[in-house]
Amino acid sequence: MAARAPPLSYYQLLNVSPEAGAGELRQAFRTLSKRYHPDTTSLPAAEASARFQLLQRAYATLLDPERRQAYDEALRRLSQPVPVQRRVVTVASSRRDLSGGEWFALLLLAVALLFSLVIGLGLAWARGVQLVTTPSWGSAAPAQPVSAASADRSADVVPAAPTLARSHA
């Protein structure tokens, strides 16, 4: 849908300035009436008639000093910006309370997590797995500085793979 152009003022319609005198108005009306008169234009009769009547109304309004003054005042009122009132919307809370079903779902989730933890610890205890172990890298003796001569001897040493310590009860 195309945006409509704002309606032309009578001054724009007659192509004259707002300070134009009677002579200028008459000359502009004569020129445009030749273009838009239903008998002399190539426009469809209905459109030509509507445009010519609009030209006559504009010319008559601007030629009469009282009507012109009232028209100018109406144009000034229309051209003044309309004050915009802004609505202030206040929101009490952007978060809502949890419903009963949501609380129940959270409770079930907590119970399921607790149950999983108890089952995991129980199975580990029943199998005798040591739950706290010292890491293999934490129990080794601190490294000694290596000289170039001893580096050749230690090149053949392969470190052992870490193993999990199991205690049998």
N, C-alpha and C. Protein backbone atom coordinates (compact mmCIF):
# COMPACT_ATOMS: atom_id res chain seq x y z
N MET A 1 0.84 -1.17 0.00
CA MET A 1 0.00 0.00 0.00
C MET A 1 0.89 1.23 0.00
N ALA A 2 0.76 2.10 -0.98
CA ALA A 2 1.60 3.28 -1.11
C ALA A 2 1.12 4.37 -0.17
N ALA A 3 2.08 5.14 0.35
CA ALA A 3 1.73 6.23 1.25
C ALA A 3 1.15 7.38 0.43
N ARG A 4 0.10 7.99 0.93
CA ARG A 4 -0.52 9.11 0.23
C ARG A 4 0.27 10.37 0.48
N ALA A 5 0.40 11.19 -0.55
CA ALA A 5 1.09 12.47 -0.41
C ALA A 5 0.17 13.41 0.36
N PRO A 6 0.75 14.34 1.15
CA PRO A 6 -0.09 15.28 1.87
C PRO A 6 -0.85 16.15 0.88
N PRO A 7 -2.06 16.58 1.23
CA PRO A 7 -2.85 17.40 0.30
C PRO A 7 -2.16 18.75 0.06
N LEU A 8 -2.30 19.22 -1.17
CA LEU A 8 -1.69 20.49 -1.53
C LEU A 8 -2.50 21.64 -0.95
N SER A 9 -1.80 22.70 -0.55
CA SER A 9 -2.51 23.90 -0.11
C SER A 9 -3.00 24.62 -1.37
N TYR A 10 -3.87 25.58 -1.18
CA TYR A 10 -4.37 26.34 -2.32
C TYR A 10 -3.22 27.10 -3.00
N TYR A 11 -2.25 27.54 -2.22
CA TYR A 11 -1.09 28.23 -2.79
C TYR A 11 -0.29 27.29 -3.69
N GLN A 12 -0.09 26.07 -3.22
CA GLN A 12 0.65 25.09 -4.02
C GLN A 12 -0.16 24.69 -5.25
N LEU A 13 -1.46 24.59 -5.10
CA LEU A 13 -2.32 24.21 -6.21
C LEU A 13 -2.25 25.25 -7.33
N LEU A 14 -2.27 26.54 -6.96
CA LEU A 14 -2.19 27.61 -7.95
C LEU A 14 -0.75 27.96 -8.31
N ASN A 15 0.21 27.35 -7.61
CA ASN A 15 1.63 27.57 -7.87
C ASN A 15 2.01 29.04 -7.66
N VAL A 16 1.56 29.60 -6.52
CA VAL A 16 1.90 30.98 -6.16
C VAL A 16 2.41 30.99 -4.72
N SER A 17 3.06 32.08 -4.34
CA SER A 17 3.54 32.21 -2.96
C SER A 17 2.40 32.70 -2.08
N PRO A 18 2.50 32.49 -0.76
CA PRO A 18 1.45 32.97 0.15
C PRO A 18 1.31 34.50 0.16
N GLU A 19 2.32 35.21 -0.34
CA GLU A 19 2.26 36.68 -0.38
C GLU A 19 1.74 37.19 -1.72
N ALA A 20 1.29 36.32 -2.60
CA ALA A 20 0.86 36.70 -3.95
C ALA A 20 -0.33 37.65 -3.89
N GLY A 21 -0.31 38.63 -4.79
CA GLY A 21 -1.41 39.59 -4.88
C GLY A 21 -2.49 39.11 -5.83
N ALA A 22 -3.51 39.97 -6.03
CA ALA A 22 -4.66 39.61 -6.87
C ALA A 22 -4.23 39.38 -8.31
N GLY A 23 -3.30 40.17 -8.83
CA GLY A 23 -2.84 40.01 -10.21
C GLY A 23 -2.15 38.67 -10.43
N GLU A 24 -1.28 38.31 -9.50
CA GLU A 24 -0.59 37.01 -9.61
C GLU A 24 -1.58 35.86 -9.54
N LEU A 25 -2.55 35.97 -8.63
CA LEU A 25 -3.56 34.92 -8.49
C LEU A 25 -4.36 34.76 -9.78
N ARG A 26 -4.76 35.91 -10.37
CA ARG A 26 -5.56 35.87 -11.59
C ARG A 26 -4.76 35.22 -12.73
N GLN A 27 -3.48 35.60 -12.88
CA GLN A 27 -2.65 35.03 -13.94
C GLN A 27 -2.47 33.52 -13.76
N ALA A 28 -2.21 33.08 -12.52
CA ALA A 28 -2.03 31.65 -12.25
C ALA A 28 -3.33 30.89 -12.52
N PHE A 29 -4.47 31.48 -12.14
CA PHE A 29 -5.75 30.81 -12.36
C PHE A 29 -6.03 30.67 -13.85
N ARG A 30 -5.76 31.72 -14.63
CA ARG A 30 -6.02 31.67 -16.08
C ARG A 30 -5.15 30.58 -16.74
N THR A 31 -3.88 30.52 -16.34
CA THR A 31 -2.97 29.53 -16.94
C THR A 31 -3.43 28.11 -16.63
N LEU A 32 -3.76 27.86 -15.36
CA LEU A 32 -4.16 26.50 -14.96
C LEU A 32 -5.56 26.14 -15.45
N SER A 33 -6.44 27.13 -15.56
CA SER A 33 -7.80 26.82 -16.02
C SER A 33 -7.80 26.39 -17.48
N LYS A 34 -6.85 26.92 -18.27
CA LYS A 34 -6.74 26.48 -19.66
C LYS A 34 -6.29 25.01 -19.71
N ARG A 35 -5.44 24.63 -18.76
CA ARG A 35 -4.92 23.26 -18.74
C ARG A 35 -5.97 22.27 -18.24
N TYR A 36 -6.80 22.67 -17.27
CA TYR A 36 -7.71 21.71 -16.64
C TYR A 36 -9.19 21.91 -16.96
N HIS A 37 -9.54 22.88 -17.79
CA HIS A 37 -10.96 23.07 -18.14
C HIS A 37 -11.44 21.84 -18.89
N PRO A 38 -12.62 21.31 -18.51
CA PRO A 38 -13.12 20.08 -19.14
C PRO A 38 -13.21 20.14 -20.67
N ASP A 39 -13.37 21.34 -21.25
CA ASP A 39 -13.49 21.45 -22.70
C ASP A 39 -12.14 21.50 -23.41
N THR A 40 -11.06 21.79 -22.67
CA THR A 40 -9.77 21.98 -23.34
C THR A 40 -8.68 20.99 -22.92
N THR A 41 -9.00 20.02 -22.10
CA THR A 41 -7.97 19.09 -21.60
C THR A 41 -8.15 17.71 -22.20
N SER A 42 -7.06 16.94 -22.13
CA SER A 42 -7.14 15.56 -22.61
C SER A 42 -7.43 14.59 -21.46
N LEU A 43 -7.60 15.12 -20.26
CA LEU A 43 -7.93 14.28 -19.10
C LEU A 43 -9.35 13.75 -19.22
N PRO A 44 -9.67 12.66 -18.56
CA PRO A 44 -11.06 12.19 -18.54
C PRO A 44 -11.98 13.28 -17.98
N ALA A 45 -13.19 13.32 -18.43
CA ALA A 45 -14.12 14.39 -18.08
C ALA A 45 -14.32 14.51 -16.57
N ALA A 46 -14.46 13.40 -15.86
CA ALA A 46 -14.71 13.45 -14.41
C ALA A 46 -13.51 14.03 -13.68
N GLU A 47 -12.30 13.61 -14.07
CA GLU A 47 -11.09 14.12 -13.41
C GLU A 47 -10.88 15.59 -13.73
N ALA A 48 -11.08 15.97 -14.98
CA ALA A 48 -10.92 17.36 -15.38
C ALA A 48 -11.90 18.26 -14.64
N SER A 49 -13.14 17.81 -14.51
CA SER A 49 -14.16 18.59 -13.81
C SER A 49 -13.80 18.76 -12.34
N ALA A 50 -13.33 17.69 -11.69
CA ALA A 50 -12.96 17.77 -10.28
C ALA A 50 -11.78 18.73 -10.07
N ARG A 51 -10.78 18.64 -10.94
CA ARG A 51 -9.61 19.53 -10.81
C ARG A 51 -9.98 20.98 -11.08
N PHE A 52 -10.82 21.21 -12.06
CA PHE A 52 -11.21 22.58 -12.38
C PHE A 52 -12.03 23.19 -11.24
N GLN A 53 -12.92 22.41 -10.64
CA GLN A 53 -13.70 22.91 -9.50
C GLN A 53 -12.79 23.23 -8.32
N LEU A 54 -11.77 22.41 -8.10
CA LEU A 54 -10.82 22.67 -7.02
C LEU A 54 -10.05 23.96 -7.30
N LEU A 55 -9.65 24.18 -8.55
CA LEU A 55 -8.97 25.43 -8.92
C LEU A 55 -9.87 26.63 -8.67
N GLN A 56 -11.14 26.53 -9.04
CA GLN A 56 -12.09 27.63 -8.83
C GLN A 56 -12.24 27.93 -7.34
N ARG A 57 -12.34 26.88 -6.51
CA ARG A 57 -12.49 27.06 -5.06
C ARG A 57 -11.24 27.73 -4.48
N ALA A 58 -10.07 27.29 -4.91
CA ALA A 58 -8.82 27.88 -4.42
C ALA A 58 -8.73 29.35 -4.82
N TYR A 59 -9.05 29.66 -6.07
CA TYR A 59 -8.98 31.04 -6.55
C TYR A 59 -9.97 31.93 -5.81
N ALA A 60 -11.19 31.45 -5.62
CA ALA A 60 -12.21 32.25 -4.93
C ALA A 60 -11.82 32.48 -3.47
N THR A 61 -11.25 31.49 -2.82
CA THR A 61 -10.86 31.63 -1.41
C THR A 61 -9.71 32.62 -1.27
N LEU A 62 -8.71 32.52 -2.12
CA LEU A 62 -7.54 33.38 -1.99
C LEU A 62 -7.80 34.80 -2.49
N LEU A 63 -8.78 34.99 -3.34
CA LEU A 63 -9.09 36.33 -3.86
C LEU A 63 -9.87 37.16 -2.84
N ASP A 64 -10.70 36.54 -2.01
CA ASP A 64 -11.49 37.23 -0.98
C ASP A 64 -10.62 37.40 0.28
N PRO A 65 -10.36 38.65 0.72
CA PRO A 65 -9.46 38.88 1.86
C PRO A 65 -9.91 38.19 3.16
N GLU A 66 -11.20 38.20 3.45
CA GLU A 66 -11.68 37.57 4.69
C GLU A 66 -11.51 36.05 4.64
N ARG A 67 -11.90 35.45 3.53
CA ARG A 67 -11.76 34.00 3.38
C ARG A 67 -10.29 33.58 3.35
N ARG A 68 -9.46 34.44 2.74
CA ARG A 68 -8.02 34.14 2.68
C ARG A 68 -7.40 34.18 4.07
N GLN A 69 -7.82 35.16 4.89
CA GLN A 69 -7.30 35.26 6.25
C GLN A 69 -7.71 34.03 7.07
N ALA A 70 -8.96 33.59 6.95
CA ALA A 70 -9.43 32.41 7.67
C ALA A 70 -8.68 31.16 7.18
N TYR A 71 -8.43 31.08 5.87
CA TYR A 71 -7.70 29.94 5.31
C TYR A 71 -6.26 29.92 5.82
N ASP A 72 -5.61 31.09 5.83
CA ASP A 72 -4.22 31.17 6.32
C ASP A 72 -4.14 30.77 7.79
N GLU A 73 -5.12 31.18 8.58
CA GLU A 73 -5.14 30.81 10.01
C GLU A 73 -5.30 29.29 10.16
N ALA A 74 -6.16 28.71 9.36
CA ALA A 74 -6.35 27.25 9.41
C ALA A 74 -5.05 26.53 9.01
N LEU A 75 -4.33 27.04 8.02
CA LEU A 75 -3.05 26.44 7.63
C LEU A 75 -2.03 26.53 8.76
N ARG A 76 -2.00 27.67 9.47
CA ARG A 76 -1.07 27.82 10.59
C ARG A 76 -1.38 26.81 11.70
N ARG A 77 -2.66 26.64 11.99
CA ARG A 77 -3.05 25.67 13.04
C ARG A 77 -2.66 24.25 12.64
N LEU A 78 -2.83 23.91 11.38
CA LEU A 78 -2.49 22.57 10.92
C LEU A 78 -0.99 22.33 10.89
N SER A 79 -0.21 23.39 10.67
CA SER A 79 1.24 23.20 10.57
C SER A 79 1.91 23.15 11.93
N GLN A 80 1.21 23.54 13.01
CA GLN A 80 1.80 23.46 14.34
C GLN A 80 1.83 22.00 14.79
N PRO A 81 2.95 21.59 15.39
CA PRO A 81 3.03 20.20 15.83
C PRO A 81 2.06 19.92 16.98
N VAL A 82 1.48 18.77 16.92
CA VAL A 82 0.54 18.35 17.95
C VAL A 82 1.35 17.74 19.10
N PRO A 83 1.14 18.21 20.33
CA PRO A 83 1.90 17.63 21.44
C PRO A 83 1.54 16.16 21.62
N VAL A 84 2.57 15.36 21.78
CA VAL A 84 2.38 13.92 21.93
C VAL A 84 2.44 13.58 23.41
N GLN A 85 1.40 12.92 23.88
CA GLN A 85 1.39 12.48 25.27
C GLN A 85 1.91 11.06 25.31
N ARG A 86 2.89 10.86 26.17
CA ARG A 86 3.47 9.53 26.29
C ARG A 86 2.82 8.80 27.44
N ARG A 87 2.52 7.56 27.19
CA ARG A 87 1.97 6.72 28.25
C ARG A 87 3.11 6.05 28.98
N VAL A 88 3.03 6.08 30.28
CA VAL A 88 4.02 5.40 31.09
C VAL A 88 3.39 4.12 31.61
N VAL A 89 3.97 3.03 31.21
CA VAL A 89 3.45 1.74 31.62
C VAL A 89 4.34 1.22 32.74
N THR A 90 3.72 0.95 33.86
CA THR A 90 4.49 0.40 34.98
C THR A 90 4.18 -1.08 35.10
N VAL A 91 5.21 -1.84 35.27
CA VAL A 91 5.06 -3.28 35.41
C VAL A 91 5.28 -3.62 36.87
N ALA A 92 4.31 -4.29 37.47
CA ALA A 92 4.43 -4.64 38.88
C ALA A 92 5.59 -5.60 39.09
N SER A 93 5.66 -6.63 38.30
CA SER A 93 6.75 -7.58 38.41
C SER A 93 6.89 -8.29 37.08
N SER A 94 8.12 -8.43 36.64
CA SER A 94 8.32 -9.12 35.37
C SER A 94 8.42 -10.62 35.58
N ARG A 95 8.48 -11.06 36.84
CA ARG A 95 8.54 -12.49 37.13
C ARG A 95 7.25 -12.91 37.82
N ARG A 96 6.78 -14.06 37.47
CA ARG A 96 5.56 -14.56 38.10
C ARG A 96 5.94 -15.64 39.10
N ASP A 97 5.03 -15.92 40.00
CA ASP A 97 5.26 -16.98 40.98
C ASP A 97 5.15 -18.34 40.30
N LEU A 98 5.84 -19.32 40.88
CA LEU A 98 5.77 -20.68 40.34
C LEU A 98 4.43 -21.31 40.71
N SER A 99 3.89 -22.06 39.78
CA SER A 99 2.63 -22.74 40.04
C SER A 99 2.89 -24.01 40.85
N GLY A 100 1.83 -24.62 41.33
CA GLY A 100 1.95 -25.84 42.11
C GLY A 100 2.61 -26.96 41.32
N GLY A 101 2.26 -27.08 40.05
CA GLY A 101 2.85 -28.10 39.19
C GLY A 101 4.35 -27.89 39.00
N GLU A 102 4.76 -26.63 38.89
CA GLU A 102 6.18 -26.33 38.73
C GLU A 102 6.96 -26.65 40.01
N TRP A 103 6.38 -26.36 41.17
CA TRP A 103 7.02 -26.71 42.44
C TRP A 103 7.16 -28.22 42.56
N PHE A 104 6.13 -28.95 42.16
CA PHE A 104 6.16 -30.41 42.22
C PHE A 104 7.26 -30.97 41.30
N ALA A 105 7.39 -30.39 40.10
CA ALA A 105 8.43 -30.84 39.17
C ALA A 105 9.82 -30.59 39.75
N LEU A 106 10.01 -29.45 40.41
CA LEU A 106 11.31 -29.17 41.04
C LEU A 106 11.59 -30.15 42.17
N LEU A 107 10.56 -30.49 42.95
CA LEU A 107 10.73 -31.45 44.04
C LEU A 107 11.11 -32.82 43.48
N LEU A 108 10.44 -33.26 42.41
CA LEU A 108 10.78 -34.55 41.79
C LEU A 108 12.21 -34.54 41.26
N LEU A 109 12.64 -33.44 40.69
CA LEU A 109 14.00 -33.34 40.19
C LEU A 109 15.01 -33.46 41.33
N ALA A 110 14.76 -32.79 42.44
CA ALA A 110 15.67 -32.87 43.59
C ALA A 110 15.71 -34.29 44.15
N VAL A 111 14.55 -34.94 44.25
CA VAL A 111 14.50 -36.32 44.75
C VAL A 111 15.25 -37.25 43.82
N ALA A 112 15.11 -37.08 42.51
CA ALA A 112 15.80 -37.93 41.54
C ALA A 112 17.31 -37.74 41.65
N LEU A 113 17.78 -36.51 41.81
CA LEU A 113 19.21 -36.27 41.97
C LEU A 113 19.75 -36.89 43.25
N LEU A 114 19.01 -36.73 44.34
CA LEU A 114 19.43 -37.30 45.62
C LEU A 114 19.45 -38.83 45.53
N PHE A 115 18.44 -39.42 44.92
CA PHE A 115 18.37 -40.87 44.75
C PHE A 115 19.56 -41.38 43.93
N SER A 116 19.89 -40.68 42.85
CA SER A 116 21.03 -41.08 42.02
C SER A 116 22.33 -41.02 42.80
N LEU A 117 22.51 -40.00 43.61
CA LEU A 117 23.71 -39.87 44.42
C LEU A 117 23.82 -41.00 45.43
N VAL A 118 22.71 -41.32 46.11
CA VAL A 118 22.71 -42.41 47.10
C VAL A 118 22.99 -43.74 46.43
N ILE A 119 22.38 -44.02 45.30
CA ILE A 119 22.61 -45.28 44.58
C ILE A 119 24.07 -45.38 44.15
N GLY A 120 24.62 -44.31 43.60
CA GLY A 120 26.02 -44.33 43.15
C GLY A 120 26.98 -44.57 44.29
N LEU A 121 26.79 -43.88 45.40
CA LEU A 121 27.67 -44.08 46.56
C LEU A 121 27.48 -45.47 47.16
N GLY A 122 26.25 -45.93 47.23
CA GLY A 122 25.97 -47.27 47.77
C GLY A 122 26.62 -48.36 46.95
N LEU A 123 26.53 -48.28 45.63
CA LEU A 123 27.16 -49.28 44.77
C LEU A 123 28.68 -49.24 44.90
N ALA A 124 29.24 -48.04 44.97
CA ALA A 124 30.70 -47.93 45.13
C ALA A 124 31.13 -48.53 46.47
N TRP A 125 30.40 -48.30 47.51
CA TRP A 125 30.74 -48.84 48.83
C TRP A 125 30.61 -50.36 48.83
N ALA A 126 29.52 -50.88 48.19
CA ALA A 126 29.29 -52.32 48.15
C ALA A 126 30.38 -53.03 47.35
N ARG A 127 30.91 -52.42 46.32
CA ARG A 127 31.96 -53.03 45.51
C ARG A 127 33.33 -52.83 46.14
N GLY A 128 33.40 -52.01 47.15
CA GLY A 128 34.66 -51.80 47.85
C GLY A 128 35.60 -50.84 47.15
N VAL A 129 35.10 -49.96 46.33
CA VAL A 129 35.94 -48.99 45.63
C VAL A 129 36.33 -47.89 46.61
N GLN A 130 37.64 -47.54 46.59
CA GLN A 130 38.10 -46.46 47.45
C GLN A 130 37.62 -45.15 46.83
N LEU A 131 36.85 -44.35 47.58
CA LEU A 131 36.24 -43.14 47.03
C LEU A 131 37.21 -41.97 46.98
N VAL A 132 38.16 -41.92 47.91
CA VAL A 132 39.14 -40.84 47.92
C VAL A 132 40.49 -41.45 47.66
N THR A 133 41.12 -41.07 46.57
CA THR A 133 42.44 -41.60 46.22
C THR A 133 43.41 -40.45 46.04
N THR A 134 44.65 -40.74 46.25
CA THR A 134 45.70 -39.76 46.01
C THR A 134 46.10 -39.88 44.56
N PRO A 135 46.16 -38.76 43.85
CA PRO A 135 46.53 -38.84 42.44
C PRO A 135 47.97 -39.33 42.29
N SER A 136 48.23 -40.01 41.19
CA SER A 136 49.56 -40.58 40.96
C SER A 136 50.62 -39.50 40.83
N TRP A 137 50.28 -38.39 40.32
CA TRP A 137 51.26 -37.32 40.16
C TRP A 137 51.53 -36.60 41.48
N GLY A 138 50.66 -36.78 42.48
CA GLY A 138 50.84 -36.11 43.76
C GLY A 138 51.72 -36.89 44.72
N SER A 139 51.90 -38.20 44.52
CA SER A 139 52.66 -39.03 45.46
C SER A 139 54.11 -39.21 45.05
N ALA A 140 54.50 -38.83 43.87
CA ALA A 140 55.87 -39.04 43.39
C ALA A 140 56.82 -38.09 44.11
N ALA A 141 58.05 -38.52 44.22
CA ALA A 141 59.09 -37.69 44.85
C ALA A 141 59.37 -36.50 43.95
N PRO A 142 59.79 -35.38 44.54
CA PRO A 142 60.08 -34.21 43.71
C PRO A 142 61.19 -34.53 42.70
N ALA A 143 61.09 -33.95 41.55
CA ALA A 143 62.04 -34.23 40.47
C ALA A 143 63.40 -33.63 40.81
N GLN A 144 64.44 -34.38 40.49
CA GLN A 144 65.82 -33.95 40.69
C GLN A 144 66.32 -33.30 39.40
N PRO A 145 67.17 -32.30 39.51
CA PRO A 145 67.72 -31.72 38.28
C PRO A 145 68.49 -32.77 37.51
N VAL A 146 68.35 -32.78 36.23
CA VAL A 146 68.96 -33.79 35.37
C VAL A 146 70.14 -33.15 34.66
N SER A 147 71.28 -33.83 34.72
CA SER A 147 72.45 -33.35 33.99
C SER A 147 72.46 -34.00 32.61
N ALA A 148 73.27 -33.51 31.72
CA ALA A 148 73.33 -34.06 30.38
C ALA A 148 73.84 -35.48 30.39
N ALA A 149 74.74 -35.82 31.32
CA ALA A 149 75.30 -37.17 31.39
C ALA A 149 74.25 -38.16 31.85
N SER A 150 73.44 -37.79 32.83
CA SER A 150 72.44 -38.72 33.34
C SER A 150 71.22 -38.78 32.43
N ALA A 151 71.04 -37.84 31.55
CA ALA A 151 69.90 -37.84 30.65
C ALA A 151 69.96 -39.01 29.70
N ASP A 152 71.19 -39.42 29.29
CA ASP A 152 71.32 -40.56 28.39
C ASP A 152 70.92 -41.85 29.07
N ARG A 153 71.24 -41.98 30.36
CA ARG A 153 70.89 -43.20 31.08
C ARG A 153 69.39 -43.30 31.34
N SER A 154 68.75 -42.16 31.56
CA SER A 154 67.32 -42.20 31.90
C SER A 154 66.44 -42.23 30.67
N ALA A 155 67.00 -42.15 29.50
CA ALA A 155 66.20 -42.15 28.28
C ALA A 155 65.53 -43.48 28.06
N ASP A 156 66.10 -44.56 28.60
CA ASP A 156 65.52 -45.88 28.41
C ASP A 156 64.41 -46.18 29.39
N VAL A 157 64.20 -45.33 30.38
CA VAL A 157 63.19 -45.59 31.40
C VAL A 157 61.83 -45.18 30.86
N VAL A 158 60.85 -46.08 30.95
CA VAL A 158 59.49 -45.81 30.50
C VAL A 158 58.62 -45.66 31.73
N PRO A 159 57.88 -44.56 31.86
CA PRO A 159 57.04 -44.40 33.04
C PRO A 159 55.91 -45.42 33.03
N ALA A 160 55.52 -45.85 34.23
CA ALA A 160 54.44 -46.83 34.38
C ALA A 160 53.10 -46.13 34.22
N ALA A 161 52.13 -46.84 33.68
CA ALA A 161 50.79 -46.29 33.52
C ALA A 161 50.12 -46.21 34.88
N PRO A 162 49.35 -45.16 35.15
CA PRO A 162 48.67 -45.04 36.44
C PRO A 162 47.61 -46.12 36.59
N THR A 163 47.44 -46.60 37.81
CA THR A 163 46.44 -47.63 38.10
C THR A 163 45.54 -47.15 39.20
N LEU A 164 44.34 -47.69 39.23
CA LEU A 164 43.40 -47.38 40.30
C LEU A 164 43.66 -48.33 41.45
N ALA A 165 43.80 -47.77 42.62
CA ALA A 165 44.05 -48.60 43.80
C ALA A 165 42.72 -49.12 44.32
N ARG A 166 42.65 -50.44 44.58
CA ARG A 166 41.43 -51.03 45.12
C ARG A 166 41.76 -51.63 46.47
N SER A 167 40.90 -51.37 47.38
CA SER A 167 41.09 -52.01 48.70
C SER A 167 40.02 -53.07 48.85
N HIS A 168 40.40 -54.23 49.32
CA HIS A 168 39.45 -55.33 49.49
C HIS A 168 39.12 -55.45 50.96
N ALA A 169 37.87 -55.36 51.27
CA ALA A 169 37.47 -55.43 52.67
C ALA A 169 37.04 -56.81 53.06
